[in-house]
Amino acid sequence: MASGGAPPSSGDRAQTVAASRQARWNSQEYGDETKLRAISAKHARISARAGQRAAHFNTRVDKLRHQAATLREKAAEIRGPIPKLHADIDSLRIQVKTATSGDPRAAHGTDVTKLQYRARKLEQKVANREARASRMEAHAAAKSQKAAELRVKADKLTETQRAAGAEAASYQQRADQLQLSRQGTSGDAAR
């Protein structure tokens, strides 16, 4: 029956519609402008996404740089009192030396053990401050390194954004030119 004058079944109709859409898409008249606009839209989406990701990376770079600078400042603050601690240690050592020298002018009743203990505690404070400051500076260096890596990624994405934006504009311009040429030929035919 299908070979006669009977209407095609619904499965045949769907295939016919799909085939007709594909034929229109592939045809020279309809397809070129639509294809150009679709390609332009694809490149515009790529450009917009690359721009968003670059902005995100730039924000993270700024945050990491700020954190690194803050850590370096804290390390400098931690190291600030170290010279005074060294001076106190030297003063205590001088007191211990004078107390143990047997000099009759030395203060009587000075407990050398307490002086040595205080000097050791101050030495430990210096060591602890140096270690904390070093850890903070190492952490700041790691953040600076990560910021540099993200900056490279952001630059690549910015370049991708520029290239995709240029491609989108190029395809859009070609589609506009094709549309204008068609309107010009259809306007000539109408006259």
Protein backbone atom coordinates (compact mmCIF):
# COMPACT_ATOMS: atom_id res chain seq x y z
CA MET A 1 0.00 0.00 0.00
CA ALA A 2 2.88 2.30 0.69
CA SER A 3 3.87 2.22 -2.96
CA GLY A 4 0.46 3.43 -4.04
CA GLY A 5 -1.35 6.60 -3.15
CA ALA A 6 -1.56 5.80 0.55
CA PRO A 7 -0.21 8.34 2.99
CA PRO A 8 3.17 7.48 4.52
CA SER A 9 3.23 6.10 8.05
CA SER A 10 4.31 8.28 11.00
CA GLY A 11 7.79 6.68 11.04
CA ASP A 12 8.27 7.57 7.39
CA ARG A 13 7.00 11.10 8.04
CA ALA A 14 9.57 11.64 10.84
CA GLN A 15 12.35 10.46 8.56
CA THR A 16 11.07 12.72 5.79
CA VAL A 17 11.00 15.76 8.13
CA ALA A 18 14.50 14.99 9.42
CA ALA A 19 15.76 14.46 5.89
CA SER A 20 14.20 17.71 4.77
CA ARG A 21 15.75 19.59 7.67
CA GLN A 22 19.11 18.06 6.85
CA ALA A 23 18.70 18.95 3.21
CA ARG A 24 17.86 22.55 4.12
CA TRP A 25 20.89 22.65 6.45
CA ASN A 26 23.14 21.30 3.71
CA SER A 27 21.71 23.43 0.95
CA GLN A 28 23.70 26.35 -0.35
CA GLU A 29 20.94 28.93 0.03
CA TYR A 30 19.68 28.31 3.53
CA GLY A 31 22.59 26.65 5.20
CA ASP A 32 25.41 29.11 4.71
CA GLU A 33 23.98 31.99 6.71
CA THR A 34 22.57 29.77 9.45
CA LYS A 35 25.77 27.78 9.70
CA LEU A 36 27.84 30.94 9.90
CA ARG A 37 25.63 32.32 12.68
CA ALA A 38 25.77 28.99 14.56
CA ILE A 39 29.56 28.88 14.32
CA SER A 40 29.72 32.52 15.40
CA ALA A 41 27.54 31.75 18.44
CA LYS A 42 29.76 28.77 19.33
CA HIS A 43 32.88 30.94 19.25
CA ALA A 44 31.09 33.65 21.24
CA ARG A 45 30.25 31.09 23.95
CA ILE A 46 33.85 29.89 24.01
CA SER A 47 35.05 33.49 24.30
CA ALA A 48 32.62 34.31 27.11
CA ARG A 49 33.55 31.17 29.08
CA ALA A 50 37.27 31.86 28.67
CA GLY A 51 36.70 35.42 29.88
CA GLN A 52 34.83 34.19 32.96
CA ARG A 53 37.54 31.67 33.81
CA ALA A 54 40.29 34.27 33.27
CA ALA A 55 38.49 36.67 35.62
CA HIS A 56 38.15 33.89 38.21
CA PHE A 57 41.87 33.08 37.96
CA ASN A 58 42.81 36.77 38.18
CA THR A 59 40.75 37.10 41.37
CA ARG A 60 42.50 34.07 42.86
CA VAL A 61 45.89 35.49 41.84
CA ASP A 62 45.10 38.75 43.63
CA LYS A 63 43.99 36.88 46.76
CA LEU A 64 47.10 34.69 46.77
CA ARG A 65 49.38 37.68 46.32
CA HIS A 66 47.68 39.48 49.19
CA GLN A 67 47.98 36.41 51.42
CA ALA A 68 51.68 36.05 50.56
CA ALA A 69 52.34 39.71 51.38
CA THR A 70 50.46 39.36 54.68
CA LEU A 71 52.49 36.28 55.60
CA ARG A 72 55.75 38.08 54.82
CA GLU A 73 54.68 41.02 57.00
CA LYS A 74 53.82 38.67 59.86
CA ALA A 75 57.19 36.94 59.51
CA ALA A 76 58.91 40.32 59.73
CA GLU A 77 56.88 41.17 62.86
CA ILE A 78 57.85 37.86 64.43
CA ARG A 79 61.53 38.50 63.70
CA GLY A 80 61.30 42.08 65.02
CA PRO A 81 62.07 41.43 68.73
CA ILE A 82 64.91 38.96 68.00
CA PRO A 83 67.73 41.58 68.26
CA LYS A 84 66.45 42.67 71.69
CA LEU A 85 66.30 39.04 72.81
CA HIS A 86 69.92 38.56 71.65
CA ALA A 87 70.92 41.65 73.66
CA ASP A 88 69.17 40.24 76.76
CA ILE A 89 70.94 36.89 76.27
CA ASP A 90 74.31 38.65 76.01
CA SER A 91 73.53 40.64 79.15
CA LEU A 92 72.65 37.45 81.06
CA ARG A 93 75.83 35.74 79.85
CA ILE A 94 77.89 38.68 81.07
CA GLN A 95 76.14 38.43 84.44
CA VAL A 96 76.88 34.68 84.61
CA LYS A 97 80.51 35.29 83.67
CA THR A 98 80.98 37.95 86.33
CA ALA A 99 79.23 35.78 88.94
CA THR A 100 81.46 32.77 88.20
CA SER A 101 84.72 34.67 87.78
CA GLY A 102 85.34 34.89 91.51
CA ASP A 103 85.57 38.65 91.30
CA PRO A 104 84.98 40.12 94.76
CA ARG A 105 83.05 42.99 93.18
CA ALA A 106 80.44 40.58 91.76
CA ALA A 107 77.04 40.69 93.36
CA HIS A 108 76.80 38.35 96.32
CA GLY A 109 74.02 35.80 96.32
CA THR A 110 73.53 35.79 92.55
CA ASP A 111 72.10 32.45 91.50
CA VAL A 112 74.02 31.46 88.36
CA THR A 113 71.66 28.61 87.60
CA LYS A 114 68.69 30.97 87.35
CA LEU A 115 70.65 33.28 85.07
CA GLN A 116 71.68 30.38 82.83
CA TYR A 117 68.10 29.09 82.82
CA ARG A 118 66.76 32.50 81.77
CA ALA A 119 69.41 32.73 79.03
CA ARG A 120 68.43 29.28 77.71
CA LYS A 121 64.75 30.24 77.71
CA LEU A 122 65.53 33.36 75.72
CA GLU A 123 67.62 31.31 73.27
CA GLN A 124 64.69 28.95 72.82
CA LYS A 125 62.38 31.94 72.19
CA VAL A 126 64.75 33.15 69.48
CA ALA A 127 64.85 29.70 67.88
CA ASN A 128 61.06 29.40 68.00
CA ARG A 129 60.58 32.84 66.44
CA GLU A 130 63.09 32.05 63.68
CA ALA A 131 61.33 28.74 62.93
CA ARG A 132 57.88 30.36 62.84
CA ALA A 133 59.09 33.16 60.59
CA SER A 134 60.80 30.68 58.25
CA ARG A 135 57.63 28.59 58.00
CA MET A 136 55.57 31.68 57.19
CA GLU A 137 58.03 32.79 54.53
CA ALA A 138 58.01 29.31 52.98
CA HIS A 139 54.21 29.40 52.96
CA ALA A 140 54.30 32.85 51.36
CA ALA A 141 56.71 31.59 48.70
CA ALA A 142 54.37 28.68 47.92
CA LYS A 143 51.45 31.09 47.55
CA SER A 144 53.51 33.34 45.27
CA GLN A 145 54.43 30.32 43.14
CA LYS A 146 50.79 29.26 42.88
CA ALA A 147 49.84 32.84 41.93
CA ALA A 148 52.43 32.82 39.15
CA GLU A 149 51.08 29.51 37.80
CA LEU A 150 47.52 30.83 37.86
CA ARG A 151 48.66 34.04 36.14
CA VAL A 152 49.99 31.93 33.25
CA LYS A 153 46.65 30.11 33.01
CA ALA A 154 44.76 33.40 33.12
CA ASP A 155 46.94 34.81 30.34
CA LYS A 156 46.28 31.74 28.17
CA LEU A 157 42.54 32.06 28.78
CA THR A 158 42.64 35.76 27.94
CA GLU A 159 44.37 34.90 24.66
CA THR A 160 41.75 32.22 23.98
CA GLN A 161 39.03 34.77 24.69
CA ARG A 162 40.54 37.24 22.23
CA ALA A 163 40.98 34.62 19.50
CA ALA A 164 37.49 33.17 19.92
CA GLY A 165 35.98 36.65 20.02
CA ALA A 166 37.74 37.54 16.79
CA GLU A 167 36.53 34.30 15.17
CA ALA A 168 32.96 34.98 16.32
CA ALA A 169 33.08 38.51 14.91
CA SER A 170 34.52 37.21 11.64
CA TYR A 171 31.79 34.59 11.20
CA GLN A 172 29.11 37.11 12.21
CA GLN A 173 30.42 39.59 9.64
CA ARG A 174 30.41 36.92 6.92
CA ALA A 175 26.82 35.98 7.82
CA ASP A 176 25.76 39.64 7.71
CA GLN A 177 27.42 40.12 4.33
CA LEU A 178 25.69 37.00 2.99
CA GLN A 179 22.33 38.23 4.30
CA LEU A 180 22.85 41.66 2.72
CA SER A 181 23.80 40.12 -0.61
CA ARG A 182 20.68 37.92 -0.52
CA GLN A 183 18.48 40.86 0.35
CA GLY A 184 20.05 42.81 -2.51
CA THR A 185 19.39 39.99 -5.00
CA SER A 186 15.84 39.41 -3.77
CA GLY A 187 15.18 43.17 -3.92
CA ASP A 188 16.46 43.22 -7.52
CA ALA A 189 14.21 40.29 -8.43
CA ALA A 190 11.17 42.05 -6.94
CA ARG A 191 11.67 45.12 -9.15
